[in-house]
Amino acid sequence: MKTLIPATRQDARIARSGGGPAWRVDVLTVVAERPLVVEYDGEYWHRDKAALDLEKAADLLTSGHLVVRVRENDLPDLPIEHPHLLQTRHRPQFETVSPLAASIVNWARSTLAR
């Protein structure tokens, strides 16, 4: 991601819209002057965290972020639809990260062009 968008920060903190402890996000960057959050949901670590993942995604969307949830392997999508949310799959055993990062940047740019 850093090669596609140089201003990328990893392990960033974002204030919650309702107060409380800040969200820790995997990747925070800006595309066309709009904040973009990418969360990598590893199958092992996120298998029982759908409610928290949903709360986090909804809060980030409410605060104006573009949000990408990269769901590893067969981790199911979160039960949320939003025009500024992309849920996609990554199978690390078979796929490299570069095409995934490029598809995220392309999605963000096309979403903002609408």
PDB file of N, CA and C in Angstrom:
ATOM      1  N   MET A   1       0.836  -1.193   0.000  1.00  0.00           N
ATOM      2  CA  MET A   1       0.000   0.000   0.000  1.00  0.00           C
ATOM      3  C   MET A   1       0.872   1.244   0.000  1.00  0.00           C
ATOM      4  N   LYS A   2       1.970   1.230   0.777  1.00  0.00           N
ATOM      5  CA  LYS A   2       2.837   2.413   0.839  1.00  0.00           C
ATOM      6  C   LYS A   2       3.440   2.756  -0.515  1.00  0.00           C
ATOM      7  N   THR A   3       3.655   1.762  -1.371  1.00  0.00           N
ATOM      8  CA  THR A   3       4.203   2.065  -2.686  1.00  0.00           C
ATOM      9  C   THR A   3       3.168   2.729  -3.575  1.00  0.00           C
ATOM     10  N   LEU A   4       1.885   2.442  -3.359  1.00  0.00           N
ATOM     11  CA  LEU A   4       0.824   3.058  -4.152  1.00  0.00           C
ATOM     12  C   LEU A   4       0.433   4.433  -3.614  1.00  0.00           C
ATOM     13  N   ILE A   5       0.426   4.581  -2.282  1.00  0.00           N
ATOM     14  CA  ILE A   5       0.064   5.844  -1.642  1.00  0.00           C
ATOM     15  C   ILE A   5       1.081   6.085  -0.530  1.00  0.00           C
ATOM     16  N   PRO A   6       2.019   7.000  -0.732  1.00  0.00           N
ATOM     17  CA  PRO A   6       3.115   7.178   0.219  1.00  0.00           C
ATOM     18  C   PRO A   6       2.707   7.594   1.635  1.00  0.00           C
ATOM     19  N   ALA A   7       1.601   8.261   1.827  1.00  0.00           N
ATOM     20  CA  ALA A   7       1.224   8.789   3.148  1.00  0.00           C
ATOM     21  C   ALA A   7       0.522   7.754   4.024  1.00  0.00           C
ATOM     22  N   THR A   8       0.793   6.491   3.818  1.00  0.00           N
ATOM     23  CA  THR A   8       0.140   5.429   4.570  1.00  0.00           C
ATOM     24  C   THR A   8       0.741   5.284   5.960  1.00  0.00           C
ATOM     25  N   ARG A   9      -0.138   5.163   6.963  1.00  0.00           N
ATOM     26  CA  ARG A   9       0.304   4.911   8.343  1.00  0.00           C
ATOM     27  C   ARG A   9      -0.245   3.570   8.797  1.00  0.00           C
ATOM     28  N   GLN A  10       0.578   2.799   9.474  1.00  0.00           N
ATOM     29  CA  GLN A  10       0.131   1.529  10.027  1.00  0.00           C
ATOM     30  C   GLN A  10      -0.096   1.688  11.524  1.00  0.00           C
ATOM     31  N   ASP A  11      -1.042   0.908  12.037  1.00  0.00           N
ATOM     32  CA  ASP A  11      -1.355   0.913  13.465  1.00  0.00           C
ATOM     33  C   ASP A  11      -1.709   2.316  13.971  1.00  0.00           C
ATOM     34  N   ALA A  12      -2.558   2.993  13.221  1.00  0.00           N
ATOM     35  CA  ALA A  12      -2.983   4.357  13.570  1.00  0.00           C
ATOM     36  C   ALA A  12      -4.138   4.310  14.570  1.00  0.00           C
ATOM     37  N   ARG A  13      -4.367   5.425  15.215  1.00  0.00           N
ATOM     38  CA  ARG A  13      -5.484   5.565  16.161  1.00  0.00           C
ATOM     39  C   ARG A  13      -6.473   6.586  15.600  1.00  0.00           C
ATOM     40  N   ILE A  14      -7.771   6.270  15.727  1.00  0.00           N
ATOM     41  CA  ILE A  14      -8.833   7.154  15.249  1.00  0.00           C
ATOM     42  C   ILE A  14      -9.864   7.281  16.367  1.00  0.00           C
ATOM     43  N   ALA A  15     -10.233   8.511  16.686  1.00  0.00           N
ATOM     44  CA  ALA A  15     -11.209   8.752  17.751  1.00  0.00           C
ATOM     45  C   ALA A  15     -12.553   8.131  17.393  1.00  0.00           C
ATOM     46  N   ARG A  16     -13.209   7.573  18.386  1.00  0.00           N
ATOM     47  CA  ARG A  16     -14.565   7.045  18.191  1.00  0.00           C
ATOM     48  C   ARG A  16     -15.539   8.215  18.135  1.00  0.00           C
ATOM     49  N   SER A  17     -16.570   8.086  17.313  1.00  0.00           N
ATOM     50  CA  SER A  17     -17.526   9.184  17.185  1.00  0.00           C
ATOM     51  C   SER A  17     -18.317   9.395  18.472  1.00  0.00           C
ATOM     52  N   GLY A  18     -18.510   8.354  19.262  1.00  0.00           N
ATOM     53  CA  GLY A  18     -19.277   8.484  20.501  1.00  0.00           C
ATOM     54  C   GLY A  18     -18.422   8.622  21.747  1.00  0.00           C
ATOM     55  N   GLY A  19     -17.129   8.849  21.568  1.00  0.00           N
ATOM     56  CA  GLY A  19     -16.223   8.911  22.709  1.00  0.00           C
ATOM     57  C   GLY A  19     -15.714   7.535  23.081  1.00  0.00           C
ATOM     58  N   GLY A  20     -14.906   7.481  24.092  1.00  0.00           N
ATOM     59  CA  GLY A  20     -14.317   6.216  24.511  1.00  0.00           C
ATOM     60  C   GLY A  20     -12.932   6.055  23.913  1.00  0.00           C
ATOM     61  N   PRO A  21     -12.331   4.897  24.154  1.00  0.00           N
ATOM     62  CA  PRO A  21     -10.970   4.691  23.642  1.00  0.00           C
ATOM     63  C   PRO A  21     -10.938   4.726  22.118  1.00  0.00           C
ATOM     64  N   ALA A  22      -9.865   5.265  21.583  1.00  0.00           N
ATOM     65  CA  ALA A  22      -9.729   5.376  20.126  1.00  0.00           C
ATOM     66  C   ALA A  22      -9.667   3.993  19.493  1.00  0.00           C
ATOM     67  N   TRP A  23     -10.133   3.923  18.252  1.00  0.00           N
ATOM     68  CA  TRP A  23      -9.989   2.694  17.480  1.00  0.00           C
ATOM     69  C   TRP A  23      -8.537   2.571  17.022  1.00  0.00           C
ATOM     70  N   ARG A  24      -7.994   1.386  17.066  1.00  0.00           N
ATOM     71  CA  ARG A  24      -6.711   1.106  16.440  1.00  0.00           C
ATOM     72  C   ARG A  24      -7.024   0.494  15.081  1.00  0.00           C
ATOM     73  N   VAL A  25      -6.481   1.089  14.029  1.00  0.00           N
ATOM     74  CA  VAL A  25      -6.735   0.570  12.685  1.00  0.00           C
ATOM     75  C   VAL A  25      -5.426   0.079  12.085  1.00  0.00           C
ATOM     76  N   ASP A  26      -5.528  -0.925  11.239  1.00  0.00           N
ATOM     77  CA  ASP A  26      -4.338  -1.526  10.644  1.00  0.00           C
ATOM     78  C   ASP A  26      -3.624  -0.567   9.704  1.00  0.00           C
ATOM     79  N   VAL A  27      -4.384   0.080   8.824  1.00  0.00           N
ATOM     80  CA  VAL A  27      -3.803   1.002   7.845  1.00  0.00           C
ATOM     81  C   VAL A  27      -4.713   2.223   7.725  1.00  0.00           C
ATOM     82  N   LEU A  28      -4.107   3.385   7.741  1.00  0.00           N
ATOM     83  CA  LEU A  28      -4.821   4.644   7.516  1.00  0.00           C
ATOM     84  C   LEU A  28      -4.074   5.405   6.442  1.00  0.00           C
ATOM     85  N   THR A  29      -4.802   5.827   5.439  1.00  0.00           N
ATOM     86  CA  THR A  29      -4.206   6.606   4.368  1.00  0.00           C
ATOM     87  C   THR A  29      -5.249   7.586   3.846  1.00  0.00           C
ATOM     88  N   VAL A  30      -4.900   8.316   2.819  1.00  0.00           N
ATOM     89  CA  VAL A  30      -5.821   9.285   2.216  1.00  0.00           C
ATOM     90  C   VAL A  30      -5.835   9.045   0.716  1.00  0.00           C
ATOM     91  N   VAL A  31      -7.043   8.985   0.158  1.00  0.00           N
ATOM     92  CA  VAL A  31      -7.224   8.866  -1.292  1.00  0.00           C
ATOM     93  C   VAL A  31      -8.128  10.007  -1.715  1.00  0.00           C
ATOM     94  N   ALA A  32      -7.639  10.840  -2.601  1.00  0.00           N
ATOM     95  CA  ALA A  32      -8.409  11.987  -3.093  1.00  0.00           C
ATOM     96  C   ALA A  32      -8.955  12.814  -1.924  1.00  0.00           C
ATOM     97  N   GLU A  33      -8.101  13.091  -0.951  1.00  0.00           N
ATOM     98  CA  GLU A  33      -8.415  13.913   0.218  1.00  0.00           C
ATOM     99  C   GLU A  33      -9.455  13.296   1.146  1.00  0.00           C
ATOM    100  N   ARG A  34      -9.689  11.993   1.018  1.00  0.00           N
ATOM    101  CA  ARG A  34     -10.651  11.291   1.884  1.00  0.00           C
ATOM    102  C   ARG A  34      -9.917  10.217   2.674  1.00  0.00           C
ATOM    103  N   PRO A  35     -10.125  10.134   4.000  1.00  0.00           N
ATOM    104  CA  PRO A  35      -9.442   9.110   4.779  1.00  0.00           C
ATOM    105  C   PRO A  35      -9.935   7.706   4.420  1.00  0.00           C
ATOM    106  N   LEU A  36      -8.993   6.818   4.273  1.00  0.00           N
ATOM    107  CA  LEU A  36      -9.272   5.422   3.931  1.00  0.00           C
ATOM    108  C   LEU A  36      -8.648   4.530   4.997  1.00  0.00           C
ATOM    109  N   VAL A  37      -9.468   3.665   5.586  1.00  0.00           N
ATOM    110  CA  VAL A  37      -9.018   2.703   6.586  1.00  0.00           C
ATOM    111  C   VAL A  37      -9.070   1.315   5.963  1.00  0.00           C
ATOM    112  N   VAL A  38      -7.986   0.568   6.143  1.00  0.00           N
ATOM    113  CA  VAL A  38      -7.959  -0.826   5.713  1.00  0.00           C
ATOM    114  C   VAL A  38      -7.740  -1.683   6.954  1.00  0.00           C
ATOM    115  N   GLU A  39      -8.659  -2.588   7.180  1.00  0.00           N
ATOM    116  CA  GLU A  39      -8.559  -3.529   8.285  1.00  0.00           C
ATOM    117  C   GLU A  39      -8.342  -4.921   7.709  1.00  0.00           C
ATOM    118  N   TYR A  40      -7.279  -5.586   8.162  1.00  0.00           N
ATOM    119  CA  TYR A  40      -7.020  -6.958   7.743  1.00  0.00           C
ATOM    120  C   TYR A  40      -7.536  -7.873   8.848  1.00  0.00           C
ATOM    121  N   ASP A  41      -8.592  -8.615   8.522  1.00  0.00           N
ATOM    122  CA  ASP A  41      -9.245  -9.473   9.500  1.00  0.00           C
ATOM    123  C   ASP A  41      -8.744 -10.904   9.326  1.00  0.00           C
ATOM    124  N   GLY A  42      -7.692 -11.235  10.070  1.00  0.00           N
ATOM    125  CA  GLY A  42      -7.158 -12.594  10.023  1.00  0.00           C
ATOM    126  C   GLY A  42      -8.180 -13.589  10.537  1.00  0.00           C
ATOM    127  N   GLU A  43      -8.262 -14.702   9.865  1.00  0.00           N
ATOM    128  CA  GLU A  43      -9.260 -15.717  10.196  1.00  0.00           C
ATOM    129  C   GLU A  43      -9.150 -16.176  11.652  1.00  0.00           C
ATOM    130  N   TYR A  44      -7.962 -16.401  12.134  1.00  0.00           N
ATOM    131  CA  TYR A  44      -7.768 -16.875  13.509  1.00  0.00           C
ATOM    132  C   TYR A  44      -8.185 -15.816  14.528  1.00  0.00           C
ATOM    133  N   TRP A  45      -7.725 -14.581  14.353  1.00  0.00           N
ATOM    134  CA  TRP A  45      -7.950 -13.523  15.351  1.00  0.00           C
ATOM    135  C   TRP A  45      -9.358 -12.942  15.304  1.00  0.00           C
ATOM    136  N   HIS A  46     -10.026 -13.026  14.160  1.00  0.00           N
ATOM    137  CA  HIS A  46     -11.332 -12.368  14.023  1.00  0.00           C
ATOM    138  C   HIS A  46     -12.506 -13.336  13.943  1.00  0.00           C
ATOM    139  N   ARG A  47     -12.262 -14.608  14.119  1.00  0.00           N
ATOM    140  CA  ARG A  47     -13.350 -15.587  13.960  1.00  0.00           C
ATOM    141  C   ARG A  47     -14.501 -15.368  14.935  1.00  0.00           C
ATOM    142  N   ASP A  48     -14.228 -14.807  16.118  1.00  0.00           N
ATOM    143  CA  ASP A  48     -15.288 -14.574  17.106  1.00  0.00           C
ATOM    144  C   ASP A  48     -15.475 -13.089  17.405  1.00  0.00           C
ATOM    145  N   LYS A  49     -15.072 -12.223  16.489  1.00  0.00           N
ATOM    146  CA  LYS A  49     -15.127 -10.787  16.750  1.00  0.00           C
ATOM    147  C   LYS A  49     -16.031 -10.032  15.769  1.00  0.00           C
ATOM    148  N   ALA A  50     -17.000 -10.697  15.190  1.00  0.00           N
ATOM    149  CA  ALA A  50     -17.861 -10.058  14.199  1.00  0.00           C
ATOM    150  C   ALA A  50     -18.596  -8.849  14.773  1.00  0.00           C
ATOM    151  N   ALA A  51     -19.079  -8.947  16.002  1.00  0.00           N
ATOM    152  CA  ALA A  51     -19.830  -7.828  16.594  1.00  0.00           C
ATOM    153  C   ALA A  51     -18.935  -6.602  16.755  1.00  0.00           C
ATOM    154  N   LEU A  52     -17.717  -6.788  17.242  1.00  0.00           N
ATOM    155  CA  LEU A  52     -16.785  -5.672  17.398  1.00  0.00           C
ATOM    156  C   LEU A  52     -16.348  -5.125  16.038  1.00  0.00           C
ATOM    157  N   ASP A  53     -16.079  -6.008  15.086  1.00  0.00           N
ATOM    158  CA  ASP A  53     -15.701  -5.581  13.738  1.00  0.00           C
ATOM    159  C   ASP A  53     -16.818  -4.764  13.097  1.00  0.00           C
ATOM    160  N   LEU A  54     -18.053  -5.193  13.300  1.00  0.00           N
ATOM    161  CA  LEU A  54     -19.219  -4.484  12.769  1.00  0.00           C
ATOM    162  C   LEU A  54     -19.345  -3.106  13.407  1.00  0.00           C
ATOM    163  N   GLU A  55     -19.206  -3.038  14.726  1.00  0.00           N
ATOM    164  CA  GLU A  55     -19.286  -1.754  15.436  1.00  0.00           C
ATOM    165  C   GLU A  55     -18.211  -0.787  14.941  1.00  0.00           C
ATOM    166  N   LYS A  56     -17.015  -1.288  14.786  1.00  0.00           N
ATOM    167  CA  LYS A  56     -15.894  -0.464  14.336  1.00  0.00           C
ATOM    168  C   LYS A  56     -16.122   0.043  12.915  1.00  0.00           C
ATOM    169  N   ALA A  57     -16.523  -0.849  12.016  1.00  0.00           N
ATOM    170  CA  ALA A  57     -16.773  -0.452  10.630  1.00  0.00           C
ATOM    171  C   ALA A  57     -17.879   0.603  10.557  1.00  0.00           C
ATOM    172  N   ALA A  58     -18.971   0.378  11.273  1.00  0.00           N
ATOM    173  CA  ALA A  58     -20.094   1.321  11.254  1.00  0.00           C
ATOM    174  C   ALA A  58     -19.676   2.685  11.792  1.00  0.00           C
ATOM    175  N   ASP A  59     -18.894   2.712  12.863  1.00  0.00           N
ATOM    176  CA  ASP A  59     -18.450   3.974  13.448  1.00  0.00           C
ATOM    177  C   ASP A  59     -17.511   4.715  12.494  1.00  0.00           C
ATOM    178  N   LEU A  60     -16.588   4.000  11.877  1.00  0.00           N
ATOM    179  CA  LEU A  60     -15.670   4.638  10.930  1.00  0.00           C
ATOM    180  C   LEU A  60     -16.422   5.189   9.715  1.00  0.00           C
ATOM    181  N   LEU A  61     -17.408   4.448   9.233  1.00  0.00           N
ATOM    182  CA  LEU A  61     -18.220   4.930   8.109  1.00  0.00           C
ATOM    183  C   LEU A  61     -19.005   6.177   8.504  1.00  0.00           C
ATOM    184  N   THR A  62     -19.569   6.180   9.707  1.00  0.00           N
ATOM    185  CA  THR A  62     -20.321   7.330  10.201  1.00  0.00           C
ATOM    186  C   THR A  62     -19.439   8.570  10.282  1.00  0.00           C
ATOM    187  N   SER A  63     -18.168   8.375  10.632  1.00  0.00           N
ATOM    188  CA  SER A  63     -17.264   9.518  10.756  1.00  0.00           C
ATOM    189  C   SER A  63     -16.643   9.939   9.426  1.00  0.00           C
ATOM    190  N   GLY A  64     -17.093   9.336   8.313  1.00  0.00           N
ATOM    191  CA  GLY A  64     -16.684   9.803   6.992  1.00  0.00           C
ATOM    192  C   GLY A  64     -15.521   9.084   6.344  1.00  0.00           C
ATOM    193  N   HIS A  65     -15.085   7.984   6.920  1.00  0.00           N
ATOM    194  CA  HIS A  65     -13.986   7.227   6.331  1.00  0.00           C
ATOM    195  C   HIS A  65     -14.480   6.281   5.240  1.00  0.00           C
ATOM    196  N   LEU A  66     -13.641   6.039   4.263  1.00  0.00           N
ATOM    197  CA  LEU A  66     -13.814   4.888   3.399  1.00  0.00           C
ATOM    198  C   LEU A  66     -13.251   3.714   4.189  1.00  0.00           C
ATOM    199  N   VAL A  67     -13.916   2.574   4.155  1.00  0.00           N
ATOM    200  CA  VAL A  67     -13.490   1.438   4.967  1.00  0.00           C
ATOM    201  C   VAL A  67     -13.372   0.196   4.087  1.00  0.00           C
ATOM    202  N   VAL A  68     -12.247  -0.484   4.236  1.00  0.00           N
ATOM    203  CA  VAL A  68     -12.032  -1.762   3.560  1.00  0.00           C
ATOM    204  C   VAL A  68     -11.794  -2.813   4.631  1.00  0.00           C
ATOM    205  N   ARG A  69     -12.573  -3.901   4.569  1.00  0.00           N
ATOM    206  CA  ARG A  69     -12.365  -5.049   5.451  1.00  0.00           C
ATOM    207  C   ARG A  69     -11.834  -6.173   4.578  1.00  0.00           C
ATOM    208  N   VAL A  70     -10.580  -6.515   4.770  1.00  0.00           N
ATOM    209  CA  VAL A  70      -9.977  -7.640   4.059  1.00  0.00           C
ATOM    210  C   VAL A  70     -10.173  -8.858   4.954  1.00  0.00           C
ATOM    211  N   ARG A  71     -11.047  -9.739   4.532  1.00  0.00           N
ATOM    212  CA  ARG A  71     -11.416 -10.916   5.333  1.00  0.00           C
ATOM    213  C   ARG A  71     -10.598 -12.108   4.838  1.00  0.00           C
ATOM    214  N   GLU A  72      -9.821 -12.678   5.747  1.00  0.00           N
ATOM    215  CA  GLU A  72      -8.913 -13.757   5.365  1.00  0.00           C
ATOM    216  C   GLU A  72      -9.653 -15.081   5.175  1.00  0.00           C
ATOM    217  N   ASN A  73      -9.270 -15.764   4.093  1.00  0.00           N
ATOM    218  CA  ASN A  73      -9.779 -17.098   3.766  1.00  0.00           C
ATOM    219  C   ASN A  73     -11.297 -17.142   3.759  1.00  0.00           C
ATOM    220  N   ASP A  74     -11.907 -17.943   4.614  1.00  0.00           N
ATOM    221  CA  ASP A  74     -13.361 -18.125   4.595  1.00  0.00           C
ATOM    222  C   ASP A  74     -14.092 -17.344   5.674  1.00  0.00           C
ATOM    223  N   LEU A  75     -13.437 -16.345   6.258  1.00  0.00           N
ATOM    224  CA  LEU A  75     -14.098 -15.512   7.254  1.00  0.00           C
ATOM    225  C   LEU A  75     -15.270 -14.796   6.567  1.00  0.00           C
ATOM    226  N   PRO A  76     -16.497 -14.967   7.071  1.00  0.00           N
ATOM    227  CA  PRO A  76     -17.650 -14.392   6.370  1.00  0.00           C
ATOM    228  C   PRO A  76     -17.665 -12.863   6.427  1.00  0.00           C
ATOM    229  N   ASP A  77     -18.325 -12.274   5.439  1.00  0.00           N
ATOM    230  CA  ASP A  77     -18.516 -10.822   5.431  1.00  0.00           C
ATOM    231  C   ASP A  77     -19.313 -10.400   6.656  1.00  0.00           C
ATOM    232  N   LEU A  78     -19.123  -9.158   7.041  1.00  0.00           N
ATOM    233  CA  LEU A  78     -19.922  -8.581   8.115  1.00  0.00           C
ATOM    234  C   LEU A  78     -21.309  -8.254   7.563  1.00  0.00           C
ATOM    235  N   PRO A  79     -22.361  -8.312   8.389  1.00  0.00           N
ATOM    236  CA  PRO A  79     -23.712  -8.029   7.908  1.00  0.00           C
ATOM    237  C   PRO A  79     -23.975  -6.520   7.813  1.00  0.00           C
ATOM    238  N   ILE A  80     -23.278  -5.866   6.895  1.00  0.00           N
ATOM    239  CA  ILE A  80     -23.434  -4.422   6.701  1.00  0.00           C
ATOM    240  C   ILE A  80     -23.151  -4.112   5.240  1.00  0.00           C
ATOM    241  N   GLU A  81     -23.953  -3.217   4.697  1.00  0.00           N
ATOM    242  CA  GLU A  81     -23.718  -2.729   3.349  1.00  0.00           C
ATOM    243  C   GLU A  81     -23.693  -1.211   3.398  1.00  0.00           C
ATOM    244  N   HIS A  82     -22.752  -0.640   2.702  1.00  0.00           N
ATOM    245  CA  HIS A  82     -22.605   0.812   2.664  1.00  0.00           C
ATOM    246  C   HIS A  82     -21.817   1.140   1.408  1.00  0.00           C
ATOM    247  N   PRO A  83     -22.151   2.248   0.723  1.00  0.00           N
ATOM    248  CA  PRO A  83     -21.416   2.575  -0.505  1.00  0.00           C
ATOM    249  C   PRO A  83     -19.933   2.869  -0.283  1.00  0.00           C
ATOM    250  N   HIS A  84     -19.540   3.174   0.949  1.00  0.00           N
ATOM    251  CA  HIS A  84     -18.131   3.463   1.228  1.00  0.00           C
ATOM    252  C   HIS A  84     -17.439   2.325   1.978  1.00  0.00           C
ATOM    253  N   LEU A  85     -18.007   1.121   1.868  1.00  0.00           N
ATOM    254  CA  LEU A  85     -17.438  -0.070   2.487  1.00  0.00           C
ATOM    255  C   LEU A  85     -17.158  -1.113   1.421  1.00  0.00           C
ATOM    256  N   LEU A  86     -15.943  -1.627   1.451  1.00  0.00           N
ATOM    257  CA  LEU A  86     -15.565  -2.751   0.594  1.00  0.00           C
ATOM    258  C   LEU A  86     -15.173  -3.911   1.501  1.00  0.00           C
ATOM    259  N   GLN A  87     -15.819  -5.041   1.303  1.00  0.00           N
ATOM    260  CA  GLN A  87     -15.410  -6.267   1.977  1.00  0.00           C
ATOM    261  C   GLN A  87     -14.862  -7.195   0.902  1.00  0.00           C
ATOM    262  N   THR A  88     -13.656  -7.648   1.104  1.00  0.00           N
ATOM    263  CA  THR A  88     -13.004  -8.471   0.097  1.00  0.00           C
ATOM    264  C   THR A  88     -12.280  -9.620   0.776  1.00  0.00           C
ATOM    265  N   ARG A  89     -11.891 -10.587   0.014  1.00  0.00           N
ATOM    266  CA  ARG A  89     -11.203 -11.772   0.515  1.00  0.00           C
ATOM    267  C   ARG A  89      -9.715 -11.713   0.180  1.00  0.00           C
ATOM    268  N   HIS A  90      -8.945 -12.349   1.046  1.00  0.00           N
ATOM    269  CA  HIS A  90      -7.520 -12.563   0.763  1.00  0.00           C
ATOM    270  C   HIS A  90      -7.165 -13.962   1.239  1.00  0.00           C
ATOM    271  N   ARG A  91      -6.536 -14.694   0.372  1.00  0.00           N
ATOM    272  CA  ARG A  91      -6.074 -16.044   0.700  1.00  0.00           C
ATOM    273  C   ARG A  91      -4.550 -16.023   0.651  1.00  0.00           C
ATOM    274  N   PRO A  92      -3.898 -15.743   1.796  1.00  0.00           N
ATOM    275  CA  PRO A  92      -2.455 -15.522   1.806  1.00  0.00           C
ATOM    276  C   PRO A  92      -1.633 -16.704   1.302  1.00  0.00           C
ATOM    277  N   GLN A  93      -2.188 -17.883   1.393  1.00  0.00           N
ATOM    278  CA  GLN A  93      -1.453 -19.051   0.910  1.00  0.00           C
ATOM    279  C   GLN A  93      -1.336 -19.045  -0.618  1.00  0.00           C
ATOM    280  N   PHE A  94      -2.260 -18.368  -1.299  1.00  0.00           N
ATOM    281  CA  PHE A  94      -2.308 -18.424  -2.752  1.00  0.00           C
ATOM    282  C   PHE A  94      -2.151 -17.068  -3.454  1.00  0.00           C
ATOM    283  N   GLU A  95      -2.290 -15.968  -2.715  1.00  0.00           N
ATOM    284  CA  GLU A  95      -2.315 -14.642  -3.337  1.00  0.00           C
ATOM    285  C   GLU A  95      -1.262 -13.727  -2.726  1.00  0.00           C
ATOM    286  N   THR A  96      -0.739 -12.830  -3.549  1.00  0.00           N
ATOM    287  CA  THR A  96       0.185 -11.822  -3.044  1.00  0.00           C
ATOM    288  C   THR A  96      -0.595 -10.561  -2.666  1.00  0.00           C
ATOM    289  N   VAL A  97       0.063  -9.668  -1.966  1.00  0.00           N
ATOM    290  CA  VAL A  97      -0.609  -8.474  -1.462  1.00  0.00           C
ATOM    291  C   VAL A  97      -0.712  -7.376  -2.520  1.00  0.00           C
ATOM    292  N   SER A  98       0.242  -7.286  -3.434  1.00  0.00           N
ATOM    293  CA  SER A  98       0.250  -6.183  -4.407  1.00  0.00           C
ATOM    294  C   SER A  98      -1.039  -6.053  -5.209  1.00  0.00           C
ATOM    295  N   PRO A  99      -1.571  -7.129  -5.796  1.00  0.00           N
ATOM    296  CA  PRO A  99      -2.846  -6.976  -6.528  1.00  0.00           C
ATOM    297  C   PRO A  99      -3.992  -6.554  -5.618  1.00  0.00           C
ATOM    298  N   LEU A 100      -3.981  -7.036  -4.384  1.00  0.00           N
ATOM    299  CA  LEU A 100      -5.010  -6.651  -3.419  1.00  0.00           C
ATOM    300  C   LEU A 100      -4.935  -5.156  -3.135  1.00  0.00           C
ATOM    301  N   ALA A 101      -3.745  -4.651  -2.876  1.00  0.00           N
ATOM    302  CA  ALA A 101      -3.567  -3.217  -2.604  1.00  0.00           C
ATOM    303  C   ALA A 101      -3.996  -2.379  -3.800  1.00  0.00           C
ATOM    304  N   ALA A 102      -3.624  -2.800  -4.986  1.00  0.00           N
ATOM    305  CA  ALA A 102      -4.022  -2.065  -6.200  1.00  0.00           C
ATOM    306  C   ALA A 102      -5.541  -2.063  -6.361  1.00  0.00           C
ATOM    307  N   SER A 103      -6.196  -3.182  -6.072  1.00  0.00           N
ATOM    308  CA  SER A 103      -7.658  -3.229  -6.213  1.00  0.00           C
ATOM    309  C   SER A 103      -8.335  -2.328  -5.179  1.00  0.00           C
ATOM    310  N   ILE A 104      -7.759  -2.217  -3.982  1.00  0.00           N
ATOM    311  CA  ILE A 104      -8.310  -1.332  -2.956  1.00  0.00           C
ATOM    312  C   ILE A 104      -8.204   0.121  -3.402  1.00  0.00           C
ATOM    313  N   VAL A 105      -7.053   0.520  -3.910  1.00  0.00           N
ATOM    314  CA  VAL A 105      -6.864   1.898  -4.381  1.00  0.00           C
ATOM    315  C   VAL A 105      -7.807   2.192  -5.540  1.00  0.00           C
ATOM    316  N   ASN A 106      -7.943   1.266  -6.474  1.00  0.00           N
ATOM    317  CA  ASN A 106      -8.866   1.462  -7.604  1.00  0.00           C
ATOM    318  C   ASN A 106     -10.306   1.589  -7.126  1.00  0.00           C
ATOM    319  N   TRP A 107     -10.708   0.747  -6.159  1.00  0.00           N
ATOM    320  CA  TRP A 107     -12.067   0.831  -5.618  1.00  0.00           C
ATOM    321  C   TRP A 107     -12.290   2.203  -4.976  1.00  0.00           C
ATOM    322  N   ALA A 108     -11.336   2.657  -4.170  1.00  0.00           N
ATOM    323  CA  ALA A 108     -11.489   3.941  -3.486  1.00  0.00           C
ATOM    324  C   ALA A 108     -11.629   5.089  -4.485  1.00  0.00           C
ATOM    325  N   ARG A 109     -10.787   5.093  -5.482  1.00  0.00           N
ATOM    326  CA  ARG A 109     -10.854   6.168  -6.482  1.00  0.00           C
ATOM    327  C   ARG A 109     -12.159   6.131  -7.262  1.00  0.00           C
ATOM    328  N   SER A 110     -12.619   4.945  -7.642  1.00  0.00           N
ATOM    329  CA  SER A 110     -13.878   4.867  -8.389  1.00  0.00           C
ATOM    330  C   SER A 110     -15.066   5.208  -7.502  1.00  0.00           C
ATOM    331  N   THR A 111     -15.009   4.843  -6.228  1.00  0.00           N
ATOM    332  CA  THR A 111     -16.096   5.176  -5.291  1.00  0.00           C
ATOM    333  C   THR A 111     -16.205   6.689  -5.130  1.00  0.00           C
ATOM    334  N   LEU A 112     -15.086   7.354  -5.014  1.00  0.00           N
ATOM    335  CA  LEU A 112     -15.098   8.811  -4.830  1.00  0.00           C
ATOM    336  C   LEU A 112     -15.446   9.556  -6.110  1.00  0.00           C
ATOM    337  N   ALA A 113     -15.261   8.918  -7.247  1.00  0.00           N
ATOM    338  CA  ALA A 113     -15.589   9.564  -8.525  1.00  0.00           C
ATOM    339  C   ALA A 113     -17.089   9.562  -8.800  1.00  0.00           C
ATOM    340  N   ARG A 114     -17.843   8.760  -8.068  1.00  0.00           N
ATOM    341  CA  ARG A 114     -19.307   8.658  -8.298  1.00  0.00           C
ATOM    342  C   ARG A 114     -20.023   9.866  -7.753  1.00  0.00           C
TER     343      ARG A 114
END
